[in-house]
Amino acid sequence: MDNWAALFAAGFIVYSAIGIIRPALGEIMDKALENKLLEEVRKIAAAKKEVKRVEKCFICKMRFDYFVDIHIEVDADLTVADGHLIVHAAKDHLIKYNKKIRDALVHIEPYFLG
């Protein structure tokens, strides 16, 4: 009976270890987050009137901070200077929105109708 109890305990330990190691491995391997923070970041970026659409959005967690990589589409007829101002405003807004966002890399793309 002791052998069966030891086998059961060993199985429980392995199961628990997998549950602990899996999220840590995700962070080590720079796994993109798929949670409510991702949707919130997309909504915050899209709320700016100059942003026509959020094309892509990735969030990576490093230690206790988040790093955002986002592609936004703006009017294709804007000047480079205007696009640059929009990108910086979007970045500042994201970092101000959530103090755990350490940095945001905002890519600008042209928005075309249709």
PDB file of N, CA and C in Angstrom:
ATOM      1  N   MET A   1       0.820  -1.200   0.000  1.00  0.00           N
ATOM      2  CA  MET A   1       0.000   0.000   0.000  1.00  0.00           C
ATOM      3  C   MET A   1       0.861   1.259   0.000  1.00  0.00           C
ATOM      4  N   ASP A   2       2.033   1.171   0.655  1.00  0.00           N
ATOM      5  CA  ASP A   2       2.925   2.327   0.680  1.00  0.00           C
ATOM      6  C   ASP A   2       3.424   2.674  -0.722  1.00  0.00           C
ATOM      7  N   ASN A   3       3.634   1.664  -1.541  1.00  0.00           N
ATOM      8  CA  ASN A   3       4.101   1.912  -2.906  1.00  0.00           C
ATOM      9  C   ASN A   3       3.058   2.678  -3.721  1.00  0.00           C
ATOM     10  N   TRP A   4       1.793   2.309  -3.554  1.00  0.00           N
ATOM     11  CA  TRP A   4       0.725   2.992  -4.276  1.00  0.00           C
ATOM     12  C   TRP A   4       0.575   4.430  -3.794  1.00  0.00           C
ATOM     13  N   ALA A   5       0.697   4.655  -2.514  1.00  0.00           N
ATOM     14  CA  ALA A   5       0.608   6.014  -1.966  1.00  0.00           C
ATOM     15  C   ALA A   5       1.768   6.869  -2.476  1.00  0.00           C
ATOM     16  N   ALA A   6       2.970   6.278  -2.533  1.00  0.00           N
ATOM     17  CA  ALA A   6       4.130   7.010  -3.036  1.00  0.00           C
ATOM     18  C   ALA A   6       3.960   7.329  -4.523  1.00  0.00           C
ATOM     19  N   LEU A   7       3.410   6.402  -5.280  1.00  0.00           N
ATOM     20  CA  LEU A   7       3.174   6.618  -6.708  1.00  0.00           C
ATOM     21  C   LEU A   7       2.138   7.725  -6.922  1.00  0.00           C
ATOM     22  N   PHE A   8       1.081   7.710  -6.126  1.00  0.00           N
ATOM     23  CA  PHE A   8       0.060   8.757  -6.196  1.00  0.00           C
ATOM     24  C   PHE A   8       0.666  10.117  -5.843  1.00  0.00           C
ATOM     25  N   ALA A   9       1.470  10.185  -4.791  1.00  0.00           N
ATOM     26  CA  ALA A   9       2.104  11.440  -4.381  1.00  0.00           C
ATOM     27  C   ALA A   9       3.062  11.940  -5.469  1.00  0.00           C
ATOM     28  N   ALA A  10       3.806  11.026  -6.086  1.00  0.00           N
ATOM     29  CA  ALA A  10       4.731  11.414  -7.152  1.00  0.00           C
ATOM     30  C   ALA A  10       3.959  11.973  -8.351  1.00  0.00           C
ATOM     31  N   GLY A  11       2.844  11.357  -8.692  1.00  0.00           N
ATOM     32  CA  GLY A  11       2.013  11.848  -9.789  1.00  0.00           C
ATOM     33  C   GLY A  11       1.466  13.234  -9.496  1.00  0.00           C
ATOM     34  N   PHE A  12       1.036  13.446  -8.270  1.00  0.00           N
ATOM     35  CA  PHE A  12       0.514  14.748  -7.873  1.00  0.00           C
ATOM     36  C   PHE A  12       1.618  15.810  -7.927  1.00  0.00           C
ATOM     37  N   ILE A  13       2.820  15.460  -7.523  1.00  0.00           N
ATOM     38  CA  ILE A  13       3.948  16.403  -7.559  1.00  0.00           C
ATOM     39  C   ILE A  13       4.286  16.776  -8.999  1.00  0.00           C
ATOM     40  N   VAL A  14       4.319  15.792  -9.895  1.00  0.00           N
ATOM     41  CA  VAL A  14       4.605  16.062 -11.309  1.00  0.00           C
ATOM     42  C   VAL A  14       3.517  16.950 -11.912  1.00  0.00           C
ATOM     43  N   TYR A  15       2.265  16.666 -11.611  1.00  0.00           N
ATOM     44  CA  TYR A  15       1.146  17.476 -12.118  1.00  0.00           C
ATOM     45  C   TYR A  15       1.261  18.917 -11.626  1.00  0.00           C
ATOM     46  N   SER A  16       1.565  19.105 -10.357  1.00  0.00           N
ATOM     47  CA  SER A  16       1.723  20.447  -9.796  1.00  0.00           C
ATOM     48  C   SER A  16       2.912  21.168 -10.405  1.00  0.00           C
ATOM     49  N   ALA A  17       4.005  20.461 -10.619  1.00  0.00           N
ATOM     50  CA  ALA A  17       5.200  21.073 -11.202  1.00  0.00           C
ATOM     51  C   ALA A  17       4.925  21.578 -12.614  1.00  0.00           C
ATOM     52  N   ILE A  18       4.187  20.804 -13.386  1.00  0.00           N
ATOM     53  CA  ILE A  18       3.839  21.230 -14.745  1.00  0.00           C
ATOM     54  C   ILE A  18       2.996  22.492 -14.694  1.00  0.00           C
ATOM     55  N   GLY A  19       2.057  22.561 -13.760  1.00  0.00           N
ATOM     56  CA  GLY A  19       1.221  23.746 -13.614  1.00  0.00           C
ATOM     57  C   GLY A  19       2.016  24.989 -13.233  1.00  0.00           C
ATOM     58  N   ILE A  20       3.102  24.808 -12.521  1.00  0.00           N
ATOM     59  CA  ILE A  20       3.942  25.940 -12.119  1.00  0.00           C
ATOM     60  C   ILE A  20       4.919  26.316 -13.231  1.00  0.00           C
ATOM     61  N   ILE A  21       5.468  25.336 -13.901  1.00  0.00           N
ATOM     62  CA  ILE A  21       6.507  25.582 -14.902  1.00  0.00           C
ATOM     63  C   ILE A  21       5.944  26.150 -16.204  1.00  0.00           C
ATOM     64  N   ARG A  22       4.764  25.726 -16.615  1.00  0.00           N
ATOM     65  CA  ARG A  22       4.207  26.143 -17.904  1.00  0.00           C
ATOM     66  C   ARG A  22       4.115  27.669 -18.051  1.00  0.00           C
ATOM     67  N   PRO A  23       3.532  28.422 -17.102  1.00  0.00           N
ATOM     68  CA  PRO A  23       3.498  29.884 -17.272  1.00  0.00           C
ATOM     69  C   PRO A  23       4.895  30.515 -17.265  1.00  0.00           C
ATOM     70  N   ALA A  24       5.786  29.974 -16.437  1.00  0.00           N
ATOM     71  CA  ALA A  24       7.148  30.521 -16.383  1.00  0.00           C
ATOM     72  C   ALA A  24       7.866  30.307 -17.713  1.00  0.00           C
ATOM     73  N   LEU A  25       7.677  29.159 -18.327  1.00  0.00           N
ATOM     74  CA  LEU A  25       8.291  28.909 -19.633  1.00  0.00           C
ATOM     75  C   LEU A  25       7.735  29.847 -20.701  1.00  0.00           C
ATOM     76  N   GLY A  26       6.453  30.152 -20.593  1.00  0.00           N
ATOM     77  CA  GLY A  26       5.855  31.102 -21.526  1.00  0.00           C
ATOM     78  C   GLY A  26       6.519  32.466 -21.450  1.00  0.00           C
ATOM     79  N   GLU A  27       6.807  32.923 -20.238  1.00  0.00           N
ATOM     80  CA  GLU A  27       7.486  34.201 -20.071  1.00  0.00           C
ATOM     81  C   GLU A  27       8.912  34.140 -20.584  1.00  0.00           C
ATOM     82  N   ILE A  28       9.602  33.055 -20.301  1.00  0.00           N
ATOM     83  CA  ILE A  28      10.987  32.916 -20.749  1.00  0.00           C
ATOM     84  C   ILE A  28      11.050  32.898 -22.279  1.00  0.00           C
ATOM     85  N   MET A  29      10.092  32.249 -22.898  1.00  0.00           N
ATOM     86  CA  MET A  29      10.086  32.125 -24.355  1.00  0.00           C
ATOM     87  C   MET A  29       9.438  33.329 -25.036  1.00  0.00           C
ATOM     88  N   ASP A  30       9.093  34.373 -24.266  1.00  0.00           N
ATOM     89  CA  ASP A  30       8.535  35.621 -24.795  1.00  0.00           C
ATOM     90  C   ASP A  30       7.207  35.391 -25.502  1.00  0.00           C
ATOM     91  N   LYS A  31       6.359  34.599 -24.881  1.00  0.00           N
ATOM     92  CA  LYS A  31       5.042  34.292 -25.436  1.00  0.00           C
ATOM     93  C   LYS A  31       4.167  35.549 -25.393  1.00  0.00           C
ATOM     94  N   ALA A  32       3.489  35.837 -26.485  1.00  0.00           N
ATOM     95  CA  ALA A  32       2.587  36.979 -26.531  1.00  0.00           C
ATOM     96  C   ALA A  32       1.374  36.691 -25.650  1.00  0.00           C
ATOM     97  N   LEU A  33       0.932  37.709 -24.949  1.00  0.00           N
ATOM     98  CA  LEU A  33      -0.212  37.550 -24.056  1.00  0.00           C
ATOM     99  C   LEU A  33      -1.518  37.608 -24.841  1.00  0.00           C
ATOM    100  N   GLU A  34      -2.446  36.791 -24.455  1.00  0.00           N
ATOM    101  CA  GLU A  34      -3.773  36.814 -25.050  1.00  0.00           C
ATOM    102  C   GLU A  34      -4.774  36.905 -23.910  1.00  0.00           C
ATOM    103  N   ASN A  35      -5.062  38.119 -23.502  1.00  0.00           N
ATOM    104  CA  ASN A  35      -5.973  38.292 -22.389  1.00  0.00           C
ATOM    105  C   ASN A  35      -6.693  39.617 -22.504  1.00  0.00           C
ATOM    106  N   LYS A  36      -7.334  40.015 -21.429  1.00  0.00           N
ATOM    107  CA  LYS A  36      -8.116  41.247 -21.478  1.00  0.00           C
ATOM    108  C   LYS A  36      -7.247  42.483 -21.647  1.00  0.00           C
ATOM    109  N   LEU A  37      -5.987  42.440 -21.205  1.00  0.00           N
ATOM    110  CA  LEU A  37      -5.093  43.583 -21.398  1.00  0.00           C
ATOM    111  C   LEU A  37      -4.891  43.854 -22.886  1.00  0.00           C
ATOM    112  N   LEU A  38      -4.795  42.815 -23.683  1.00  0.00           N
ATOM    113  CA  LEU A  38      -4.641  42.972 -25.129  1.00  0.00           C
ATOM    114  C   LEU A  38      -5.828  43.720 -25.729  1.00  0.00           C
ATOM    115  N   GLU A  39      -7.024  43.327 -25.350  1.00  0.00           N
ATOM    116  CA  GLU A  39      -8.227  44.000 -25.856  1.00  0.00           C
ATOM    117  C   GLU A  39      -8.312  45.437 -25.346  1.00  0.00           C
ATOM    118  N   GLU A  40      -7.921  45.668 -24.099  1.00  0.00           N
ATOM    119  CA  GLU A  40      -7.941  47.018 -23.552  1.00  0.00           C
ATOM    120  C   GLU A  40      -6.964  47.922 -24.286  1.00  0.00           C
ATOM    121  N   VAL A  41      -5.785  47.410 -24.589  1.00  0.00           N
ATOM    122  CA  VAL A  41      -4.786  48.204 -25.312  1.00  0.00           C
ATOM    123  C   VAL A  41      -5.292  48.536 -26.710  1.00  0.00           C
ATOM    124  N   ARG A  42      -5.909  47.569 -27.360  1.00  0.00           N
ATOM    125  CA  ARG A  42      -6.467  47.822 -28.699  1.00  0.00           C
ATOM    126  C   ARG A  42      -7.548  48.899 -28.637  1.00  0.00           C
ATOM    127  N   LYS A  43      -8.408  48.837 -27.627  1.00  0.00           N
ATOM    128  CA  LYS A  43      -9.477  49.843 -27.490  1.00  0.00           C
ATOM    129  C   LYS A  43      -8.909  51.221 -27.188  1.00  0.00           C
ATOM    130  N   ILE A  44      -7.911  51.286 -26.320  1.00  0.00           N
ATOM    131  CA  ILE A  44      -7.296  52.568 -25.978  1.00  0.00           C
ATOM    132  C   ILE A  44      -6.661  53.201 -27.217  1.00  0.00           C
ATOM    133  N   ALA A  45      -5.940  52.406 -27.997  1.00  0.00           N
ATOM    134  CA  ALA A  45      -5.294  52.928 -29.207  1.00  0.00           C
ATOM    135  C   ALA A  45      -6.331  53.356 -30.237  1.00  0.00           C
ATOM    136  N   ALA A  46      -7.389  52.584 -30.388  1.00  0.00           N
ATOM    137  CA  ALA A  46      -8.423  52.896 -31.378  1.00  0.00           C
ATOM    138  C   ALA A  46      -9.285  54.079 -30.966  1.00  0.00           C
ATOM    139  N   ALA A  47      -9.250  54.453 -29.700  1.00  0.00           N
ATOM    140  CA  ALA A  47     -10.074  55.556 -29.213  1.00  0.00           C
ATOM    141  C   ALA A  47      -9.578  56.912 -29.718  1.00  0.00           C
ATOM    142  N   LYS A  48      -8.315  56.988 -30.099  1.00  0.00           N
ATOM    143  CA  LYS A  48      -7.788  58.240 -30.640  1.00  0.00           C
ATOM    144  C   LYS A  48      -8.458  58.499 -31.985  1.00  0.00           C
ATOM    145  N   LYS A  49      -8.933  59.725 -32.198  1.00  0.00           N
ATOM    146  CA  LYS A  49      -9.702  60.013 -33.412  1.00  0.00           C
ATOM    147  C   LYS A  49      -8.870  59.877 -34.689  1.00  0.00           C
ATOM    148  N   GLU A  50      -7.560  60.074 -34.601  1.00  0.00           N
ATOM    149  CA  GLU A  50      -6.715  59.982 -35.786  1.00  0.00           C
ATOM    150  C   GLU A  50      -6.480  58.534 -36.215  1.00  0.00           C
ATOM    151  N   VAL A  51      -6.673  57.591 -35.303  1.00  0.00           N
ATOM    152  CA  VAL A  51      -6.440  56.174 -35.600  1.00  0.00           C
ATOM    153  C   VAL A  51      -7.675  55.605 -36.278  1.00  0.00           C
ATOM    154  N   LYS A  52      -7.485  55.165 -37.504  1.00  0.00           N
ATOM    155  CA  LYS A  52      -8.602  54.600 -38.262  1.00  0.00           C
ATOM    156  C   LYS A  52      -8.843  53.136 -37.906  1.00  0.00           C
ATOM    157  N   ARG A  53      -7.747  52.410 -37.626  1.00  0.00           N
ATOM    158  CA  ARG A  53      -7.881  50.987 -37.319  1.00  0.00           C
ATOM    159  C   ARG A  53      -6.610  50.501 -36.637  1.00  0.00           C
ATOM    160  N   VAL A  54      -6.778  49.551 -35.721  1.00  0.00           N
ATOM    161  CA  VAL A  54      -5.630  48.869 -35.126  1.00  0.00           C
ATOM    162  C   VAL A  54      -5.445  47.583 -35.908  1.00  0.00           C
ATOM    163  N   GLU A  55      -4.315  47.490 -36.600  1.00  0.00           N
ATOM    164  CA  GLU A  55      -4.081  46.332 -37.460  1.00  0.00           C
ATOM    165  C   GLU A  55      -3.595  45.121 -36.654  1.00  0.00           C
ATOM    166  N   LYS A  56      -2.522  45.290 -35.893  1.00  0.00           N
ATOM    167  CA  LYS A  56      -1.950  44.209 -35.095  1.00  0.00           C
ATOM    168  C   LYS A  56      -1.614  44.739 -33.717  1.00  0.00           C
ATOM    169  N   CYS A  57      -1.612  43.832 -32.749  1.00  0.00           N
ATOM    170  CA  CYS A  57      -1.232  44.217 -31.397  1.00  0.00           C
ATOM    171  C   CYS A  57      -0.667  42.996 -30.677  1.00  0.00           C
ATOM    172  N   PHE A  58       0.529  43.165 -30.145  1.00  0.00           N
ATOM    173  CA  PHE A  58       1.187  42.112 -29.386  1.00  0.00           C
ATOM    174  C   PHE A  58       1.653  42.699 -28.059  1.00  0.00           C
ATOM    175  N   ILE A  59       1.531  41.918 -27.008  1.00  0.00           N
ATOM    176  CA  ILE A  59       2.014  42.344 -25.697  1.00  0.00           C
ATOM    177  C   ILE A  59       2.881  41.224 -25.137  1.00  0.00           C
ATOM    178  N   CYS A  60       4.073  41.579 -24.732  1.00  0.00           N
ATOM    179  CA  CYS A  60       4.974  40.622 -24.105  1.00  0.00           C
ATOM    180  C   CYS A  60       5.230  41.060 -22.675  1.00  0.00           C
ATOM    181  N   LYS A  61       5.336  40.089 -21.803  1.00  0.00           N
ATOM    182  CA  LYS A  61       5.614  40.377 -20.399  1.00  0.00           C
ATOM    183  C   LYS A  61       7.059  40.018 -20.100  1.00  0.00           C
ATOM    184  N   MET A  62       7.760  40.956 -19.509  1.00  0.00           N
ATOM    185  CA  MET A  62       9.111  40.713 -19.031  1.00  0.00           C
ATOM    186  C   MET A  62       9.148  41.103 -17.569  1.00  0.00           C
ATOM    187  N   ARG A  63       9.382  40.108 -16.746  1.00  0.00           N
ATOM    188  CA  ARG A  63       9.352  40.274 -15.295  1.00  0.00           C
ATOM    189  C   ARG A  63       7.986  40.808 -14.891  1.00  0.00           C
ATOM    190  N   PHE A  64       7.914  42.054 -14.419  1.00  0.00           N
ATOM    191  CA  PHE A  64       6.647  42.606 -13.949  1.00  0.00           C
ATOM    192  C   PHE A  64       6.069  43.648 -14.897  1.00  0.00           C
ATOM    193  N   ASP A  65       6.751  43.891 -16.005  1.00  0.00           N
ATOM    194  CA  ASP A  65       6.347  44.938 -16.937  1.00  0.00           C
ATOM    195  C   ASP A  65       5.853  44.347 -18.245  1.00  0.00           C
ATOM    196  N   TYR A  66       5.094  45.165 -18.970  1.00  0.00           N
ATOM    197  CA  TYR A  66       4.574  44.780 -20.273  1.00  0.00           C
ATOM    198  C   TYR A  66       5.195  45.660 -21.358  1.00  0.00           C
ATOM    199  N   PHE A  67       5.448  45.061 -22.514  1.00  0.00           N
ATOM    200  CA  PHE A  67       5.955  45.775 -23.672  1.00  0.00           C
ATOM    201  C   PHE A  67       4.965  45.558 -24.810  1.00  0.00           C
ATOM    202  N   VAL A  68       4.498  46.655 -25.387  1.00  0.00           N
ATOM    203  CA  VAL A  68       3.462  46.618 -26.411  1.00  0.00           C
ATOM    204  C   VAL A  68       4.087  46.859 -27.781  1.00  0.00           C
ATOM    205  N   ASP A  69       3.679  46.065 -28.747  1.00  0.00           N
ATOM    206  CA  ASP A  69       4.051  46.241 -30.153  1.00  0.00           C
ATOM    207  C   ASP A  69       2.738  46.337 -30.913  1.00  0.00           C
ATOM    208  N   ILE A  70       2.448  47.506 -31.442  1.00  0.00           N
ATOM    209  CA  ILE A  70       1.134  47.734 -32.041  1.00  0.00           C
ATOM    210  C   ILE A  70       1.278  48.420 -33.400  1.00  0.00           C
ATOM    211  N   HIS A  71       0.434  48.031 -34.344  1.00  0.00           N
ATOM    212  CA  HIS A  71       0.391  48.635 -35.670  1.00  0.00           C
ATOM    213  C   HIS A  71      -0.931  49.385 -35.775  1.00  0.00           C
ATOM    214  N   ILE A  72      -0.854  50.681 -36.027  1.00  0.00           N
ATOM    215  CA  ILE A  72      -2.077  51.467 -36.190  1.00  0.00           C
ATOM    216  C   ILE A  72      -2.134  52.010 -37.614  1.00  0.00           C
ATOM    217  N   GLU A  73      -3.345  52.143 -38.123  1.00  0.00           N
ATOM    218  CA  GLU A  73      -3.543  52.700 -39.451  1.00  0.00           C
ATOM    219  C   GLU A  73      -4.108  54.101 -39.312  1.00  0.00           C
ATOM    220  N   VAL A  74      -3.519  55.035 -40.065  1.00  0.00           N
ATOM    221  CA  VAL A  74      -3.969  56.421 -40.070  1.00  0.00           C
ATOM    222  C   VAL A  74      -4.228  56.833 -41.516  1.00  0.00           C
ATOM    223  N   ASP A  75      -4.826  57.989 -41.694  1.00  0.00           N
ATOM    224  CA  ASP A  75      -5.125  58.506 -43.019  1.00  0.00           C
ATOM    225  C   ASP A  75      -3.868  58.501 -43.881  1.00  0.00           C
ATOM    226  N   ALA A  76      -3.958  57.932 -45.054  1.00  0.00           N
ATOM    227  CA  ALA A  76      -2.796  57.780 -45.940  1.00  0.00           C
ATOM    228  C   ALA A  76      -2.290  59.116 -46.474  1.00  0.00           C
ATOM    229  N   ASP A  77      -3.088  60.155 -46.407  1.00  0.00           N
ATOM    230  CA  ASP A  77      -2.689  61.457 -46.943  1.00  0.00           C
ATOM    231  C   ASP A  77      -1.977  62.342 -45.923  1.00  0.00           C
ATOM    232  N   LEU A  78      -1.761  61.852 -44.722  1.00  0.00           N
ATOM    233  CA  LEU A  78      -1.070  62.651 -43.708  1.00  0.00           C
ATOM    234  C   LEU A  78       0.403  62.819 -44.052  1.00  0.00           C
ATOM    235  N   THR A  79       0.981  63.893 -43.562  1.00  0.00           N
ATOM    236  CA  THR A  79       2.415  64.083 -43.735  1.00  0.00           C
ATOM    237  C   THR A  79       3.162  63.204 -42.746  1.00  0.00           C
ATOM    238  N   VAL A  80       4.436  63.039 -42.973  1.00  0.00           N
ATOM    239  CA  VAL A  80       5.270  62.255 -42.064  1.00  0.00           C
ATOM    240  C   VAL A  80       5.267  62.899 -40.679  1.00  0.00           C
ATOM    241  N   ALA A  81       5.339  64.215 -40.638  1.00  0.00           N
ATOM    242  CA  ALA A  81       5.354  64.923 -39.356  1.00  0.00           C
ATOM    243  C   ALA A  81       4.053  64.689 -38.587  1.00  0.00           C
ATOM    244  N   ASP A  82       2.922  64.739 -39.287  1.00  0.00           N
ATOM    245  CA  ASP A  82       1.638  64.494 -38.618  1.00  0.00           C
ATOM    246  C   ASP A  82       1.547  63.054 -38.112  1.00  0.00           C
ATOM    247  N   GLY A  83       2.006  62.104 -38.925  1.00  0.00           N
ATOM    248  CA  GLY A  83       2.009  60.702 -38.506  1.00  0.00           C
ATOM    249  C   GLY A  83       2.898  60.489 -37.293  1.00  0.00           C
ATOM    250  N   HIS A  84       4.024  61.166 -37.274  1.00  0.00           N
ATOM    251  CA  HIS A  84       4.955  61.066 -36.146  1.00  0.00           C
ATOM    252  C   HIS A  84       4.304  61.571 -34.856  1.00  0.00           C
ATOM    253  N   LEU A  85       3.572  62.660 -34.943  1.00  0.00           N
ATOM    254  CA  LEU A  85       2.876  63.199 -33.763  1.00  0.00           C
ATOM    255  C   LEU A  85       1.802  62.235 -33.261  1.00  0.00           C
ATOM    256  N   ILE A  86       1.099  61.611 -34.186  1.00  0.00           N
ATOM    257  CA  ILE A  86       0.057  60.651 -33.807  1.00  0.00           C
ATOM    258  C   ILE A  86       0.668  59.445 -33.101  1.00  0.00           C
ATOM    259  N   VAL A  87       1.784  58.950 -33.630  1.00  0.00           N
ATOM    260  CA  VAL A  87       2.453  57.797 -33.031  1.00  0.00           C
ATOM    261  C   VAL A  87       2.903  58.108 -31.614  1.00  0.00           C
ATOM    262  N   HIS A  88       3.515  59.271 -31.420  1.00  0.00           N
ATOM    263  CA  HIS A  88       3.970  59.626 -30.075  1.00  0.00           C
ATOM    264  C   HIS A  88       2.802  59.836 -29.117  1.00  0.00           C
ATOM    265  N   ALA A  89       1.710  60.420 -29.610  1.00  0.00           N
ATOM    266  CA  ALA A  89       0.531  60.599 -28.758  1.00  0.00           C
ATOM    267  C   ALA A  89      -0.059  59.252 -28.357  1.00  0.00           C
ATOM    268  N   ALA A  90      -0.108  58.301 -29.307  1.00  0.00           N
ATOM    269  CA  ALA A  90      -0.640  56.966 -29.005  1.00  0.00           C
ATOM    270  C   ALA A  90       0.250  56.254 -27.990  1.00  0.00           C
ATOM    271  N   LYS A  91       1.552  56.345 -28.173  1.00  0.00           N
ATOM    272  CA  LYS A  91       2.493  55.710 -27.244  1.00  0.00           C
ATOM    273  C   LYS A  91       2.352  56.295 -25.843  1.00  0.00           C
ATOM    274  N   ASP A  92       2.353  57.611 -25.751  1.00  0.00           N
ATOM    275  CA  ASP A  92       2.224  58.259 -24.443  1.00  0.00           C
ATOM    276  C   ASP A  92       0.906  57.900 -23.770  1.00  0.00           C
ATOM    277  N   HIS A  93      -0.157  57.821 -24.570  1.00  0.00           N
ATOM    278  CA  HIS A  93      -1.477  57.479 -24.026  1.00  0.00           C
ATOM    279  C   HIS A  93      -1.493  56.050 -23.478  1.00  0.00           C
ATOM    280  N   LEU A  94      -0.871  55.126 -24.185  1.00  0.00           N
ATOM    281  CA  LEU A  94      -0.828  53.735 -23.721  1.00  0.00           C
ATOM    282  C   LEU A  94      -0.028  53.603 -22.429  1.00  0.00           C
ATOM    283  N   ILE A  95       1.115  54.266 -22.368  1.00  0.00           N
ATOM    284  CA  ILE A  95       1.957  54.176 -21.175  1.00  0.00           C
ATOM    285  C   ILE A  95       1.283  54.846 -19.985  1.00  0.00           C
ATOM    286  N   LYS A  96       0.580  55.932 -20.247  1.00  0.00           N
ATOM    287  CA  LYS A  96      -0.132  56.631 -19.176  1.00  0.00           C
ATOM    288  C   LYS A  96      -1.349  55.829 -18.702  1.00  0.00           C
ATOM    289  N   TYR A  97      -1.944  55.068 -19.608  1.00  0.00           N
ATOM    290  CA  TYR A  97      -3.137  54.268 -19.298  1.00  0.00           C
ATOM    291  C   TYR A  97      -2.847  53.192 -18.265  1.00  0.00           C
ATOM    292  N   ASN A  98      -1.708  52.513 -18.410  1.00  0.00           N
ATOM    293  CA  ASN A  98      -1.375  51.408 -17.514  1.00  0.00           C
ATOM    294  C   ASN A  98       0.086  51.533 -17.106  1.00  0.00           C
ATOM    295  N   LYS A  99       0.318  51.713 -15.837  1.00  0.00           N
ATOM    296  CA  LYS A  99       1.681  51.928 -15.328  1.00  0.00           C
ATOM    297  C   LYS A  99       2.578  50.705 -15.510  1.00  0.00           C
ATOM    298  N   LYS A 100       1.996  49.539 -15.738  1.00  0.00           N
ATOM    299  CA  LYS A 100       2.810  48.343 -15.956  1.00  0.00           C
ATOM    300  C   LYS A 100       3.333  48.251 -17.387  1.00  0.00           C
ATOM    301  N   ILE A 101       2.821  49.086 -18.282  1.00  0.00           N
ATOM    302  CA  ILE A 101       3.341  49.124 -19.641  1.00  0.00           C
ATOM    303  C   ILE A 101       4.612  49.956 -19.610  1.00  0.00           C
ATOM    304  N   ARG A 102       5.732  49.284 -19.772  1.00  0.00           N
ATOM    305  CA  ARG A 102       7.035  49.960 -19.700  1.00  0.00           C
ATOM    306  C   ARG A 102       7.322  50.743 -20.974  1.00  0.00           C
ATOM    307  N   ASP A 103       6.993  50.139 -22.129  1.00  0.00           N
ATOM    308  CA  ASP A 103       7.279  50.806 -23.399  1.00  0.00           C
ATOM    309  C   ASP A 103       6.303  50.302 -24.454  1.00  0.00           C
ATOM    310  N   ALA A 104       6.113  51.115 -25.466  1.00  0.00           N
ATOM    311  CA  ALA A 104       5.238  50.745 -26.574  1.00  0.00           C
ATOM    312  C   ALA A 104       5.935  51.081 -27.884  1.00  0.00           C
ATOM    313  N   LEU A 105       5.968  50.123 -28.772  1.00  0.00           N
ATOM    314  CA  LEU A 105       6.514  50.316 -30.105  1.00  0.00           C
ATOM    315  C   LEU A 105       5.317  50.433 -31.040  1.00  0.00           C
ATOM    316  N   VAL A 106       5.101  51.629 -31.561  1.00  0.00           N
ATOM    317  CA  VAL A 106       3.931  51.891 -32.388  1.00  0.00           C
ATOM    318  C   VAL A 106       4.373  52.026 -33.837  1.00  0.00           C
ATOM    319  N   HIS A 107       3.854  51.141 -34.672  1.00  0.00           N
ATOM    320  CA  HIS A 107       4.121  51.188 -36.111  1.00  0.00           C
ATOM    321  C   HIS A 107       2.948  51.909 -36.770  1.00  0.00           C
ATOM    322  N   ILE A 108       3.252  52.727 -37.739  1.00  0.00           N
ATOM    323  CA  ILE A 108       2.193  53.450 -38.431  1.00  0.00           C
ATOM    324  C   ILE A 108       2.040  52.879 -39.835  1.00  0.00           C
ATOM    325  N   GLU A 109       0.807  52.659 -40.230  1.00  0.00           N
ATOM    326  CA  GLU A 109       0.479  52.107 -41.541  1.00  0.00           C
ATOM    327  C   GLU A 109      -0.536  53.024 -42.220  1.00  0.00           C
ATOM    328  N   PRO A 110      -0.532  53.110 -43.545  1.00  0.00           N
ATOM    329  CA  PRO A 110      -1.537  53.914 -44.231  1.00  0.00           C
ATOM    330  C   PRO A 110      -2.888  53.197 -44.247  1.00  0.00           C
ATOM    331  N   TYR A 111      -3.942  53.987 -44.058  1.00  0.00           N
ATOM    332  CA  TYR A 111      -5.292  53.446 -44.107  1.00  0.00           C
ATOM    333  C   TYR A 111      -5.914  53.814 -45.441  1.00  0.00           C
ATOM    334  N   PHE A 112      -6.345  52.813 -46.168  1.00  0.00           N
ATOM    335  CA  PHE A 112      -7.021  53.024 -47.448  1.00  0.00           C
ATOM    336  C   PHE A 112      -8.429  52.478 -47.342  1.00  0.00           C
ATOM    337  N   LEU A 113      -9.395  53.210 -47.864  1.00  0.00           N
ATOM    338  CA  LEU A 113     -10.777  52.713 -47.869  1.00  0.00           C
ATOM    339  C   LEU A 113     -10.873  51.562 -48.860  1.00  0.00           C
ATOM    340  N   GLY A 114     -11.647  50.547 -48.434  1.00  0.00           N
ATOM    341  CA  GLY A 114     -11.919  49.413 -49.312  1.00  0.00           C
ATOM    342  C   GLY A 114     -10.768  48.530 -49.413  1.00  0.00           C
TER     343      GLY A 114
END
